Amino acid sequence: MTEHQLKEIKTHLIRGLGSMTGQEPVEIMAVEGCPDETDFASQLVQQGINIAMHRRQVARMHELETALRRLSETDYGICEECGEEIGVARLKANPSARLCVCCQSDLEDGLLHCA
């Protein structure tokens, strides 16, 4: 991977983190004071959605931070499973990718149990 490609990916990661830190925090509120069971159920569903969104945000920020850390080390762009290089196109599309396309496919097919 060239120095220019690394800078491009680093910029993408930093922008991704910046856009996430600028987002409104997900509102997590107590479910109480519902006049009936339908309202209570509706609030519970919304609360579940809010919690899931918050967890997804935190996980994505962690992925981006980890990728930035790996970028400054020698293992960035190397598949954590097979040790082969991850394609530059894949890294540009998903800079936090830790697996090459083949290993990611195996993971999704249930053939890998690492990540």
PDB file of N, CA and C in Angstrom:
ATOM      1  N   MET A   1       0.851  -1.167   0.000  1.00  0.00           N
ATOM      2  CA  MET A   1       0.000   0.000   0.000  1.00  0.00           C
ATOM      3  C   MET A   1       0.898   1.232   0.000  1.00  0.00           C
ATOM      4  N   THR A   2       0.553   2.189  -0.840  1.00  0.00           N
ATOM      5  CA  THR A   2       1.386   3.385  -0.947  1.00  0.00           C
ATOM      6  C   THR A   2       1.098   4.356   0.197  1.00  0.00           C
ATOM      7  N   GLU A   3       1.995   5.285   0.377  1.00  0.00           N
ATOM      8  CA  GLU A   3       1.840   6.316   1.407  1.00  0.00           C
ATOM      9  C   GLU A   3       0.596   7.172   1.133  1.00  0.00           C
ATOM     10  N   HIS A   4       0.347   7.460  -0.132  1.00  0.00           N
ATOM     11  CA  HIS A   4      -0.830   8.248  -0.517  1.00  0.00           C
ATOM     12  C   HIS A   4      -2.113   7.500  -0.146  1.00  0.00           C
ATOM     13  N   GLN A   5      -2.161   6.191  -0.402  1.00  0.00           N
ATOM     14  CA  GLN A   5      -3.340   5.401  -0.063  1.00  0.00           C
ATOM     15  C   GLN A   5      -3.562   5.370   1.448  1.00  0.00           C
ATOM     16  N   LEU A   6      -2.471   5.246   2.209  1.00  0.00           N
ATOM     17  CA  LEU A   6      -2.582   5.254   3.669  1.00  0.00           C
ATOM     18  C   LEU A   6      -3.131   6.583   4.174  1.00  0.00           C
ATOM     19  N   LYS A   7      -2.658   7.687   3.605  1.00  0.00           N
ATOM     20  CA  LYS A   7      -3.159   9.007   4.004  1.00  0.00           C
ATOM     21  C   LYS A   7      -4.639   9.155   3.677  1.00  0.00           C
ATOM     22  N   GLU A   8      -5.026   8.648   2.510  1.00  0.00           N
ATOM     23  CA  GLU A   8      -6.421   8.704   2.094  1.00  0.00           C
ATOM     24  C   GLU A   8      -7.314   7.944   3.084  1.00  0.00           C
ATOM     25  N   ILE A   9      -6.875   6.764   3.458  1.00  0.00           N
ATOM     26  CA  ILE A   9      -7.641   5.934   4.388  1.00  0.00           C
ATOM     27  C   ILE A   9      -7.687   6.588   5.767  1.00  0.00           C
ATOM     28  N   LYS A  10      -6.557   7.159   6.197  1.00  0.00           N
ATOM     29  CA  LYS A  10      -6.525   7.828   7.500  1.00  0.00           C
ATOM     30  C   LYS A  10      -7.499   9.008   7.523  1.00  0.00           C
ATOM     31  N   THR A  11      -7.529   9.776   6.459  1.00  0.00           N
ATOM     32  CA  THR A  11      -8.453  10.900   6.354  1.00  0.00           C
ATOM     33  C   THR A  11      -9.899  10.413   6.434  1.00  0.00           C
ATOM     34  N   HIS A  12     -10.182   9.317   5.737  1.00  0.00           N
ATOM     35  CA  HIS A  12     -11.532   8.739   5.753  1.00  0.00           C
ATOM     36  C   HIS A  12     -11.918   8.305   7.169  1.00  0.00           C
ATOM     37  N   LEU A  13     -10.995   7.666   7.878  1.00  0.00           N
ATOM     38  CA  LEU A  13     -11.255   7.221   9.246  1.00  0.00           C
ATOM     39  C   LEU A  13     -11.507   8.409  10.178  1.00  0.00           C
ATOM     40  N   ILE A  14     -10.683   9.425  10.068  1.00  0.00           N
ATOM     41  CA  ILE A  14     -10.820  10.610  10.922  1.00  0.00           C
ATOM     42  C   ILE A  14     -12.148  11.320  10.644  1.00  0.00           C
ATOM     43  N   ARG A  15     -12.521  11.422   9.379  1.00  0.00           N
ATOM     44  CA  ARG A  15     -13.815  12.036   9.034  1.00  0.00           C
ATOM     45  C   ARG A  15     -14.969  11.214   9.592  1.00  0.00           C
ATOM     46  N   GLY A  16     -14.854   9.905   9.496  1.00  0.00           N
ATOM     47  CA  GLY A  16     -15.894   9.031  10.033  1.00  0.00           C
ATOM     48  C   GLY A  16     -16.070   9.216  11.529  1.00  0.00           C
ATOM     49  N   LEU A  17     -14.960   9.276  12.235  1.00  0.00           N
ATOM     50  CA  LEU A  17     -15.022   9.503  13.681  1.00  0.00           C
ATOM     51  C   LEU A  17     -15.595  10.879  13.987  1.00  0.00           C
ATOM     52  N   GLY A  18     -15.157  11.865  13.229  1.00  0.00           N
ATOM     53  CA  GLY A  18     -15.646  13.234  13.443  1.00  0.00           C
ATOM     54  C   GLY A  18     -17.143  13.341  13.233  1.00  0.00           C
ATOM     55  N   SER A  19     -17.642  12.666  12.223  1.00  0.00           N
ATOM     56  CA  SER A  19     -19.080  12.742  11.967  1.00  0.00           C
ATOM     57  C   SER A  19     -19.868  12.026  13.059  1.00  0.00           C
ATOM     58  N   MET A  20     -19.301  10.992  13.643  1.00  0.00           N
ATOM     59  CA  MET A  20     -19.993  10.260  14.706  1.00  0.00           C
ATOM     60  C   MET A  20     -19.982  11.036  16.013  1.00  0.00           C
ATOM     61  N   THR A  21     -18.901  11.737  16.299  1.00  0.00           N
ATOM     62  CA  THR A  21     -18.849  12.488  17.549  1.00  0.00           C
ATOM     63  C   THR A  21     -19.728  13.721  17.484  1.00  0.00           C
ATOM     64  N   GLY A  22     -20.064  14.179  16.271  1.00  0.00           N
ATOM     65  CA  GLY A  22     -20.930  15.333  16.113  1.00  0.00           C
ATOM     66  C   GLY A  22     -22.407  14.987  16.144  1.00  0.00           C
ATOM     67  N   GLN A  23     -22.730  13.701  16.196  1.00  0.00           N
ATOM     68  CA  GLN A  23     -24.134  13.285  16.194  1.00  0.00           C
ATOM     69  C   GLN A  23     -24.771  13.524  17.549  1.00  0.00           C
ATOM     70  N   GLU A  24     -26.082  13.696  17.503  1.00  0.00           N
ATOM     71  CA  GLU A  24     -26.849  13.808  18.739  1.00  0.00           C
ATOM     72  C   GLU A  24     -26.752  12.487  19.490  1.00  0.00           C
ATOM     73  N   PRO A  25     -26.571  12.527  20.798  1.00  0.00           N
ATOM     74  CA  PRO A  25     -26.562  11.272  21.543  1.00  0.00           C
ATOM     75  C   PRO A  25     -27.937  10.613  21.489  1.00  0.00           C
ATOM     76  N   VAL A  26     -27.929   9.292  21.475  1.00  0.00           N
ATOM     77  CA  VAL A  26     -29.180   8.553  21.449  1.00  0.00           C
ATOM     78  C   VAL A  26     -29.871   8.717  22.793  1.00  0.00           C
ATOM     79  N   GLU A  27     -31.144   9.067  22.757  1.00  0.00           N
ATOM     80  CA  GLU A  27     -31.894   9.301  23.993  1.00  0.00           C
ATOM     81  C   GLU A  27     -32.351   7.974  24.588  1.00  0.00           C
ATOM     82  N   ILE A  28     -31.902   7.716  25.799  1.00  0.00           N
ATOM     83  CA  ILE A  28     -32.338   6.531  26.532  1.00  0.00           C
ATOM     84  C   ILE A  28     -33.073   7.029  27.762  1.00  0.00           C
ATOM     85  N   MET A  29     -34.355   6.725  27.816  1.00  0.00           N
ATOM     86  CA  MET A  29     -35.180   7.268  28.890  1.00  0.00           C
ATOM     87  C   MET A  29     -35.888   6.143  29.626  1.00  0.00           C
ATOM     88  N   ALA A  30     -36.365   6.452  30.790  1.00  0.00           N
ATOM     89  CA  ALA A  30     -37.110   5.470  31.578  1.00  0.00           C
ATOM     90  C   ALA A  30     -38.512   5.328  30.999  1.00  0.00           C
ATOM     91  N   VAL A  31     -39.010   4.096  31.022  1.00  0.00           N
ATOM     92  CA  VAL A  31     -40.363   3.833  30.543  1.00  0.00           C
ATOM     93  C   VAL A  31     -41.276   3.841  31.756  1.00  0.00           C
ATOM     94  N   GLU A  32     -42.071   4.905  31.859  1.00  0.00           N
ATOM     95  CA  GLU A  32     -42.987   5.020  32.996  1.00  0.00           C
ATOM     96  C   GLU A  32     -44.106   5.983  32.648  1.00  0.00           C
ATOM     97  N   GLY A  33     -45.116   5.994  33.463  1.00  0.00           N
ATOM     98  CA  GLY A  33     -46.224   6.928  33.290  1.00  0.00           C
ATOM     99  C   GLY A  33     -47.034   6.692  32.030  1.00  0.00           C
ATOM    100  N   CYS A  34     -47.200   5.446  31.632  1.00  0.00           N
ATOM    101  CA  CYS A  34     -47.975   5.133  30.434  1.00  0.00           C
ATOM    102  C   CYS A  34     -49.444   4.960  30.800  1.00  0.00           C
ATOM    103  N   PRO A  35     -50.322   5.623  30.067  1.00  0.00           N
ATOM    104  CA  PRO A  35     -51.741   5.525  30.392  1.00  0.00           C
ATOM    105  C   PRO A  35     -52.350   4.147  30.095  1.00  0.00           C
ATOM    106  N   ASP A  36     -51.786   3.427  29.136  1.00  0.00           N
ATOM    107  CA  ASP A  36     -52.334   2.097  28.844  1.00  0.00           C
ATOM    108  C   ASP A  36     -51.238   1.169  28.330  1.00  0.00           C
ATOM    109  N   GLU A  37     -51.596  -0.087  28.129  1.00  0.00           N
ATOM    110  CA  GLU A  37     -50.625  -1.102  27.717  1.00  0.00           C
ATOM    111  C   GLU A  37     -50.058  -0.844  26.331  1.00  0.00           C
ATOM    112  N   THR A  38     -50.855  -0.272  25.451  1.00  0.00           N
ATOM    113  CA  THR A  38     -50.392   0.014  24.093  1.00  0.00           C
ATOM    114  C   THR A  38     -49.287   1.063  24.113  1.00  0.00           C
ATOM    115  N   ASP A  39     -49.494   2.123  24.884  1.00  0.00           N
ATOM    116  CA  ASP A  39     -48.460   3.158  25.010  1.00  0.00           C
ATOM    117  C   ASP A  39     -47.199   2.584  25.652  1.00  0.00           C
ATOM    118  N   PHE A  40     -47.379   1.754  26.655  1.00  0.00           N
ATOM    119  CA  PHE A  40     -46.242   1.134  27.332  1.00  0.00           C
ATOM    120  C   PHE A  40     -45.457   0.267  26.352  1.00  0.00           C
ATOM    121  N   ALA A  41     -46.151  -0.547  25.570  1.00  0.00           N
ATOM    122  CA  ALA A  41     -45.500  -1.413  24.586  1.00  0.00           C
ATOM    123  C   ALA A  41     -44.771  -0.575  23.541  1.00  0.00           C
ATOM    124  N   SER A  42     -45.398   0.491  23.104  1.00  0.00           N
ATOM    125  CA  SER A  42     -44.793   1.375  22.115  1.00  0.00           C
ATOM    126  C   SER A  42     -43.500   2.009  22.653  1.00  0.00           C
ATOM    127  N   GLN A  43     -43.547   2.457  23.910  1.00  0.00           N
ATOM    128  CA  GLN A  43     -42.351   3.046  24.523  1.00  0.00           C
ATOM    129  C   GLN A  43     -41.243   2.007  24.706  1.00  0.00           C
ATOM    130  N   LEU A  44     -41.630   0.785  25.056  1.00  0.00           N
ATOM    131  CA  LEU A  44     -40.635  -0.279  25.204  1.00  0.00           C
ATOM    132  C   LEU A  44     -39.933  -0.571  23.878  1.00  0.00           C
ATOM    133  N   VAL A  45     -40.719  -0.629  22.814  1.00  0.00           N
ATOM    134  CA  VAL A  45     -40.139  -0.873  21.487  1.00  0.00           C
ATOM    135  C   VAL A  45     -39.191   0.255  21.111  1.00  0.00           C
ATOM    136  N   GLN A  46     -39.632   1.496  21.322  1.00  0.00           N
ATOM    137  CA  GLN A  46     -38.777   2.647  20.994  1.00  0.00           C
ATOM    138  C   GLN A  46     -37.505   2.630  21.830  1.00  0.00           C
ATOM    139  N   GLN A  47     -37.629   2.282  23.093  1.00  0.00           N
ATOM    140  CA  GLN A  47     -36.466   2.199  23.973  1.00  0.00           C
ATOM    141  C   GLN A  47     -35.481   1.139  23.470  1.00  0.00           C
ATOM    142  N   GLY A  48     -36.008   0.011  23.036  1.00  0.00           N
ATOM    143  CA  GLY A  48     -35.155  -1.042  22.484  1.00  0.00           C
ATOM    144  C   GLY A  48     -34.416  -0.585  21.241  1.00  0.00           C
ATOM    145  N   ILE A  49     -35.109   0.155  20.392  1.00  0.00           N
ATOM    146  CA  ILE A  49     -34.484   0.697  19.187  1.00  0.00           C
ATOM    147  C   ILE A  49     -33.391   1.686  19.561  1.00  0.00           C
ATOM    148  N   ASN A  50     -33.668   2.575  20.520  1.00  0.00           N
ATOM    149  CA  ASN A  50     -32.673   3.562  20.961  1.00  0.00           C
ATOM    150  C   ASN A  50     -31.431   2.892  21.526  1.00  0.00           C
ATOM    151  N   ILE A  51     -31.626   1.851  22.325  1.00  0.00           N
ATOM    152  CA  ILE A  51     -30.479   1.142  22.909  1.00  0.00           C
ATOM    153  C   ILE A  51     -29.664   0.457  21.822  1.00  0.00           C
ATOM    154  N   ALA A  52     -30.339  -0.171  20.867  1.00  0.00           N
ATOM    155  CA  ALA A  52     -29.639  -0.842  19.763  1.00  0.00           C
ATOM    156  C   ALA A  52     -28.833   0.170  18.935  1.00  0.00           C
ATOM    157  N   MET A  53     -29.429   1.342  18.674  1.00  0.00           N
ATOM    158  CA  MET A  53     -28.726   2.378  17.914  1.00  0.00           C
ATOM    159  C   MET A  53     -27.502   2.871  18.681  1.00  0.00           C
ATOM    160  N   HIS A  54     -27.648   3.044  19.980  1.00  0.00           N
ATOM    161  CA  HIS A  54     -26.526   3.500  20.809  1.00  0.00           C
ATOM    162  C   HIS A  54     -25.393   2.474  20.787  1.00  0.00           C
ATOM    163  N   ARG A  55     -25.738   1.207  20.953  1.00  0.00           N
ATOM    164  CA  ARG A  55     -24.715   0.149  20.922  1.00  0.00           C
ATOM    165  C   ARG A  55     -24.008   0.104  19.575  1.00  0.00           C
ATOM    166  N   ARG A  56     -24.764   0.271  18.502  1.00  0.00           N
ATOM    167  CA  ARG A  56     -24.181   0.253  17.161  1.00  0.00           C
ATOM    168  C   ARG A  56     -23.237   1.432  16.977  1.00  0.00           C
ATOM    169  N   GLN A  57     -23.630   2.607  17.488  1.00  0.00           N
ATOM    170  CA  GLN A  57     -22.775   3.800  17.407  1.00  0.00           C
ATOM    171  C   GLN A  57     -21.458   3.574  18.151  1.00  0.00           C
ATOM    172  N   VAL A  58     -21.551   3.061  19.364  1.00  0.00           N
ATOM    173  CA  VAL A  58     -20.361   2.823  20.183  1.00  0.00           C
ATOM    174  C   VAL A  58     -19.463   1.795  19.513  1.00  0.00           C
ATOM    175  N   ALA A  59     -20.036   0.732  18.986  1.00  0.00           N
ATOM    176  CA  ALA A  59     -19.250  -0.314  18.323  1.00  0.00           C
ATOM    177  C   ALA A  59     -18.555   0.244  17.081  1.00  0.00           C
ATOM    178  N   ARG A  60     -19.257   1.060  16.305  1.00  0.00           N
ATOM    179  CA  ARG A  60     -18.653   1.632  15.096  1.00  0.00           C
ATOM    180  C   ARG A  60     -17.520   2.584  15.457  1.00  0.00           C
ATOM    181  N   MET A  61     -17.717   3.393  16.493  1.00  0.00           N
ATOM    182  CA  MET A  61     -16.640   4.295  16.918  1.00  0.00           C
ATOM    183  C   MET A  61     -15.421   3.493  17.362  1.00  0.00           C
ATOM    184  N   HIS A  62     -15.642   2.400  18.064  1.00  0.00           N
ATOM    185  CA  HIS A  62     -14.543   1.545  18.506  1.00  0.00           C
ATOM    186  C   HIS A  62     -13.819   0.947  17.295  1.00  0.00           C
ATOM    187  N   GLU A  63     -14.572   0.511  16.288  1.00  0.00           N
ATOM    188  CA  GLU A  63     -13.963  -0.032  15.067  1.00  0.00           C
ATOM    189  C   GLU A  63     -13.071   1.003  14.395  1.00  0.00           C
ATOM    190  N   LEU A  64     -13.571   2.222  14.280  1.00  0.00           N
ATOM    191  CA  LEU A  64     -12.806   3.282  13.621  1.00  0.00           C
ATOM    192  C   LEU A  64     -11.559   3.648  14.419  1.00  0.00           C
ATOM    193  N   GLU A  65     -11.693   3.730  15.747  1.00  0.00           N
ATOM    194  CA  GLU A  65     -10.542   4.038  16.594  1.00  0.00           C
ATOM    195  C   GLU A  65      -9.489   2.935  16.504  1.00  0.00           C
ATOM    196  N   THR A  66      -9.937   1.689  16.500  1.00  0.00           N
ATOM    197  CA  THR A  66      -9.013   0.557  16.382  1.00  0.00           C
ATOM    198  C   THR A  66      -8.303   0.592  15.038  1.00  0.00           C
ATOM    199  N   ALA A  67      -9.038   0.886  13.971  1.00  0.00           N
ATOM    200  CA  ALA A  67      -8.436   0.970  12.640  1.00  0.00           C
ATOM    201  C   ALA A  67      -7.390   2.085  12.589  1.00  0.00           C
ATOM    202  N   LEU A  68      -7.683   3.221  13.218  1.00  0.00           N
ATOM    203  CA  LEU A  68      -6.694   4.315  13.257  1.00  0.00           C
ATOM    204  C   LEU A  68      -5.431   3.892  13.999  1.00  0.00           C
ATOM    205  N   ARG A  69      -5.620   3.182  15.106  1.00  0.00           N
ATOM    206  CA  ARG A  69      -4.473   2.686  15.863  1.00  0.00           C
ATOM    207  C   ARG A  69      -3.659   1.697  15.027  1.00  0.00           C
ATOM    208  N   ARG A  70      -4.338   0.778  14.356  1.00  0.00           N
ATOM    209  CA  ARG A  70      -3.668  -0.219  13.518  1.00  0.00           C
ATOM    210  C   ARG A  70      -2.960   0.439  12.338  1.00  0.00           C
ATOM    211  N   LEU A  71      -3.507   1.545  11.862  1.00  0.00           N
ATOM    212  CA  LEU A  71      -2.925   2.248  10.717  1.00  0.00           C
ATOM    213  C   LEU A  71      -1.509   2.709  11.029  1.00  0.00           C
ATOM    214  N   SER A  72      -1.260   3.080  12.270  1.00  0.00           N
ATOM    215  CA  SER A  72       0.075   3.544  12.653  1.00  0.00           C
ATOM    216  C   SER A  72       1.017   2.381  12.973  1.00  0.00           C
ATOM    217  N   GLU A  73       0.488   1.168  12.979  1.00  0.00           N
ATOM    218  CA  GLU A  73       1.313  -0.014  13.233  1.00  0.00           C
ATOM    219  C   GLU A  73       1.525  -0.759  11.924  1.00  0.00           C
ATOM    220  N   THR A  74       2.265  -1.833  11.975  1.00  0.00           N
ATOM    221  CA  THR A  74       2.596  -2.556  10.754  1.00  0.00           C
ATOM    222  C   THR A  74       1.533  -3.559  10.333  1.00  0.00           C
ATOM    223  N   ASP A  75       0.525  -3.819  11.169  1.00  0.00           N
ATOM    224  CA  ASP A  75      -0.452  -4.852  10.827  1.00  0.00           C
ATOM    225  C   ASP A  75      -1.694  -4.327  10.119  1.00  0.00           C
ATOM    226  N   TYR A  76      -1.763  -3.034   9.853  1.00  0.00           N
ATOM    227  CA  TYR A  76      -2.937  -2.517   9.154  1.00  0.00           C
ATOM    228  C   TYR A  76      -2.924  -3.029   7.720  1.00  0.00           C
ATOM    229  N   GLY A  77      -4.091  -3.468   7.265  1.00  0.00           N
ATOM    230  CA  GLY A  77      -4.202  -3.955   5.898  1.00  0.00           C
ATOM    231  C   GLY A  77      -3.835  -5.418   5.750  1.00  0.00           C
ATOM    232  N   ILE A  78      -3.565  -6.077   6.869  1.00  0.00           N
ATOM    233  CA  ILE A  78      -3.246  -7.506   6.864  1.00  0.00           C
ATOM    234  C   ILE A  78      -4.419  -8.242   7.506  1.00  0.00           C
ATOM    235  N   CYS A  79      -4.898  -9.279   6.842  1.00  0.00           N
ATOM    236  CA  CYS A  79      -6.021 -10.064   7.345  1.00  0.00           C
ATOM    237  C   CYS A  79      -5.639 -10.724   8.663  1.00  0.00           C
ATOM    238  N   GLU A  80      -6.484 -10.574   9.663  1.00  0.00           N
ATOM    239  CA  GLU A  80      -6.210 -11.151  10.984  1.00  0.00           C
ATOM    240  C   GLU A  80      -6.328 -12.670  10.994  1.00  0.00           C
ATOM    241  N   GLU A  81      -6.960 -13.237   9.976  1.00  0.00           N
ATOM    242  CA  GLU A  81      -7.142 -14.683   9.935  1.00  0.00           C
ATOM    243  C   GLU A  81      -6.051 -15.387   9.121  1.00  0.00           C
ATOM    244  N   CYS A  82      -5.872 -14.972   7.871  1.00  0.00           N
ATOM    245  CA  CYS A  82      -4.942 -15.699   6.993  1.00  0.00           C
ATOM    246  C   CYS A  82      -3.586 -15.017   6.836  1.00  0.00           C
ATOM    247  N   GLY A  83      -3.482 -13.750   7.233  1.00  0.00           N
ATOM    248  CA  GLY A  83      -2.205 -13.043   7.149  1.00  0.00           C
ATOM    249  C   GLY A  83      -1.915 -12.438   5.791  1.00  0.00           C
ATOM    250  N   GLU A  84      -2.838 -12.568   4.847  1.00  0.00           N
ATOM    251  CA  GLU A  84      -2.663 -11.980   3.518  1.00  0.00           C
ATOM    252  C   GLU A  84      -3.068 -10.509   3.543  1.00  0.00           C
ATOM    253  N   GLU A  85      -2.613  -9.767   2.530  1.00  0.00           N
ATOM    254  CA  GLU A  85      -3.005  -8.356   2.446  1.00  0.00           C
ATOM    255  C   GLU A  85      -4.476  -8.225   2.110  1.00  0.00           C
ATOM    256  N   ILE A  86      -5.116  -7.249   2.744  1.00  0.00           N
ATOM    257  CA  ILE A  86      -6.505  -6.903   2.413  1.00  0.00           C
ATOM    258  C   ILE A  86      -6.425  -5.929   1.246  1.00  0.00           C
ATOM    259  N   GLY A  87      -7.246  -6.138   0.241  1.00  0.00           N
ATOM    260  CA  GLY A  87      -7.212  -5.283  -0.943  1.00  0.00           C
ATOM    261  C   GLY A  87      -7.443  -3.816  -0.624  1.00  0.00           C
ATOM    262  N   VAL A  88      -6.746  -2.955  -1.355  1.00  0.00           N
ATOM    263  CA  VAL A  88      -6.854  -1.512  -1.142  1.00  0.00           C
ATOM    264  C   VAL A  88      -8.288  -1.046  -1.394  1.00  0.00           C
ATOM    265  N   ALA A  89      -8.944  -1.598  -2.411  1.00  0.00           N
ATOM    266  CA  ALA A  89     -10.327  -1.198  -2.698  1.00  0.00           C
ATOM    267  C   ALA A  89     -11.226  -1.518  -1.507  1.00  0.00           C
ATOM    268  N   ARG A  90     -11.013  -2.678  -0.881  1.00  0.00           N
ATOM    269  CA  ARG A  90     -11.813  -3.048   0.299  1.00  0.00           C
ATOM    270  C   ARG A  90     -11.540  -2.094   1.444  1.00  0.00           C
ATOM    271  N   LEU A  91     -10.280  -1.748   1.661  1.00  0.00           N
ATOM    272  CA  LEU A  91      -9.926  -0.835   2.752  1.00  0.00           C
ATOM    273  C   LEU A  91     -10.471   0.574   2.507  1.00  0.00           C
ATOM    274  N   LYS A  92     -10.517   0.986   1.250  1.00  0.00           N
ATOM    275  CA  LYS A  92     -11.093   2.302   0.955  1.00  0.00           C
ATOM    276  C   LYS A  92     -12.598   2.292   1.211  1.00  0.00           C
ATOM    277  N   ALA A  93     -13.241   1.169   0.880  1.00  0.00           N
ATOM    278  CA  ALA A  93     -14.681   1.066   1.101  1.00  0.00           C
ATOM    279  C   ALA A  93     -15.010   0.895   2.574  1.00  0.00           C
ATOM    280  N   ASN A  94     -14.160   0.155   3.292  1.00  0.00           N
ATOM    281  CA  ASN A  94     -14.369  -0.105   4.718  1.00  0.00           C
ATOM    282  C   ASN A  94     -13.011  -0.096   5.419  1.00  0.00           C
ATOM    283  N   PRO A  95     -12.542   1.096   5.800  1.00  0.00           N
ATOM    284  CA  PRO A  95     -11.207   1.212   6.383  1.00  0.00           C
ATOM    285  C   PRO A  95     -11.006   0.440   7.687  1.00  0.00           C
ATOM    286  N   SER A  96     -12.100   0.024   8.327  1.00  0.00           N
ATOM    287  CA  SER A  96     -11.944  -0.726   9.568  1.00  0.00           C
ATOM    288  C   SER A  96     -11.962  -2.232   9.336  1.00  0.00           C
ATOM    289  N   ALA A  97     -11.926  -2.660   8.069  1.00  0.00           N
ATOM    290  CA  ALA A  97     -11.939  -4.095   7.750  1.00  0.00           C
ATOM    291  C   ALA A  97     -10.726  -4.778   8.374  1.00  0.00           C
ATOM    292  N   ARG A  98     -10.991  -5.915   9.028  1.00  0.00           N
ATOM    293  CA  ARG A  98      -9.912  -6.679   9.660  1.00  0.00           C
ATOM    294  C   ARG A  98      -9.653  -7.988   8.941  1.00  0.00           C
ATOM    295  N   LEU A  99     -10.557  -8.347   8.037  1.00  0.00           N
ATOM    296  CA  LEU A  99     -10.437  -9.603   7.302  1.00  0.00           C
ATOM    297  C   LEU A  99     -10.460  -9.331   5.803  1.00  0.00           C
ATOM    298  N   CYS A 100      -9.755 -10.178   5.048  1.00  0.00           N
ATOM    299  CA  CYS A 100      -9.813 -10.079   3.596  1.00  0.00           C
ATOM    300  C   CYS A 100     -11.195 -10.550   3.138  1.00  0.00           C
ATOM    301  N   VAL A 101     -11.494 -10.380   1.876  1.00  0.00           N
ATOM    302  CA  VAL A 101     -12.808 -10.735   1.349  1.00  0.00           C
ATOM    303  C   VAL A 101     -13.092 -12.222   1.555  1.00  0.00           C
ATOM    304  N   CYS A 102     -12.111 -13.083   1.279  1.00  0.00           N
ATOM    305  CA  CYS A 102     -12.326 -14.535   1.416  1.00  0.00           C
ATOM    306  C   CYS A 102     -12.624 -14.919   2.868  1.00  0.00           C
ATOM    307  N   CYS A 103     -11.849 -14.420   3.802  1.00  0.00           N
ATOM    308  CA  CYS A 103     -12.062 -14.757   5.211  1.00  0.00           C
ATOM    309  C   CYS A 103     -13.364 -14.152   5.731  1.00  0.00           C
ATOM    310  N   GLN A 104     -13.700 -12.950   5.282  1.00  0.00           N
ATOM    311  CA  GLN A 104     -14.971 -12.338   5.679  1.00  0.00           C
ATOM    312  C   GLN A 104     -16.134 -13.172   5.168  1.00  0.00           C
ATOM    313  N   SER A 105     -16.012 -13.642   3.945  1.00  0.00           N
ATOM    314  CA  SER A 105     -17.049 -14.493   3.363  1.00  0.00           C
ATOM    315  C   SER A 105     -17.187 -15.798   4.152  1.00  0.00           C
ATOM    316  N   ASP A 106     -16.037 -16.392   4.504  1.00  0.00           N
ATOM    317  CA  ASP A 106     -16.061 -17.620   5.308  1.00  0.00           C
ATOM    318  C   ASP A 106     -16.705 -17.368   6.668  1.00  0.00           C
ATOM    319  N   LEU A 107     -16.404 -16.232   7.272  1.00  0.00           N
ATOM    320  CA  LEU A 107     -16.997 -15.879   8.562  1.00  0.00           C
ATOM    321  C   LEU A 107     -18.514 -15.766   8.442  1.00  0.00           C
ATOM    322  N   GLU A 108     -18.973 -15.091   7.403  1.00  0.00           N
ATOM    323  CA  GLU A 108     -20.406 -14.913   7.202  1.00  0.00           C
ATOM    324  C   GLU A 108     -21.109 -16.224   6.874  1.00  0.00           C
ATOM    325  N   ASP A 109     -20.381 -17.153   6.246  1.00  0.00           N
ATOM    326  CA  ASP A 109     -20.950 -18.474   5.932  1.00  0.00           C
ATOM    327  C   ASP A 109     -20.859 -19.435   7.099  1.00  0.00           C
ATOM    328  N   GLY A 110     -20.276 -18.969   8.211  1.00  0.00           N
ATOM    329  CA  GLY A 110     -20.163 -19.816   9.394  1.00  0.00           C
ATOM    330  C   GLY A 110     -18.978 -20.758   9.361  1.00  0.00           C
ATOM    331  N   LEU A 111     -18.058 -20.546   8.438  1.00  0.00           N
ATOM    332  CA  LEU A 111     -16.884 -21.412   8.335  1.00  0.00           C
ATOM    333  C   LEU A 111     -15.732 -20.932   9.200  1.00  0.00           C
ATOM    334  N   LEU A 112     -15.788 -19.686   9.628  1.00  0.00           N
ATOM    335  CA  LEU A 112     -14.770 -19.088  10.505  1.00  0.00           C
ATOM    336  C   LEU A 112     -15.447 -18.703  11.809  1.00  0.00           C
ATOM    337  N   HIS A 113     -14.728 -18.777  12.892  1.00  0.00           N
ATOM    338  CA  HIS A 113     -15.306 -18.425  14.196  1.00  0.00           C
ATOM    339  C   HIS A 113     -14.380 -17.479  14.961  1.00  0.00           C
ATOM    340  N   CYS A 114     -13.612 -16.656  14.241  1.00  0.00           N
ATOM    341  CA  CYS A 114     -12.585 -15.850  14.915  1.00  0.00           C
ATOM    342  C   CYS A 114     -13.083 -14.491  15.364  1.00  0.00           C
ATOM    343  N   ALA A 115     -13.575 -13.679  14.481  1.00  0.00           N
ATOM    344  CA  ALA A 115     -13.886 -12.287  14.774  1.00  0.00           C
ATOM    345  C   ALA A 115     -15.091 -12.212  15.640  1.00  0.00           C
TER     346      ALA A 115
END
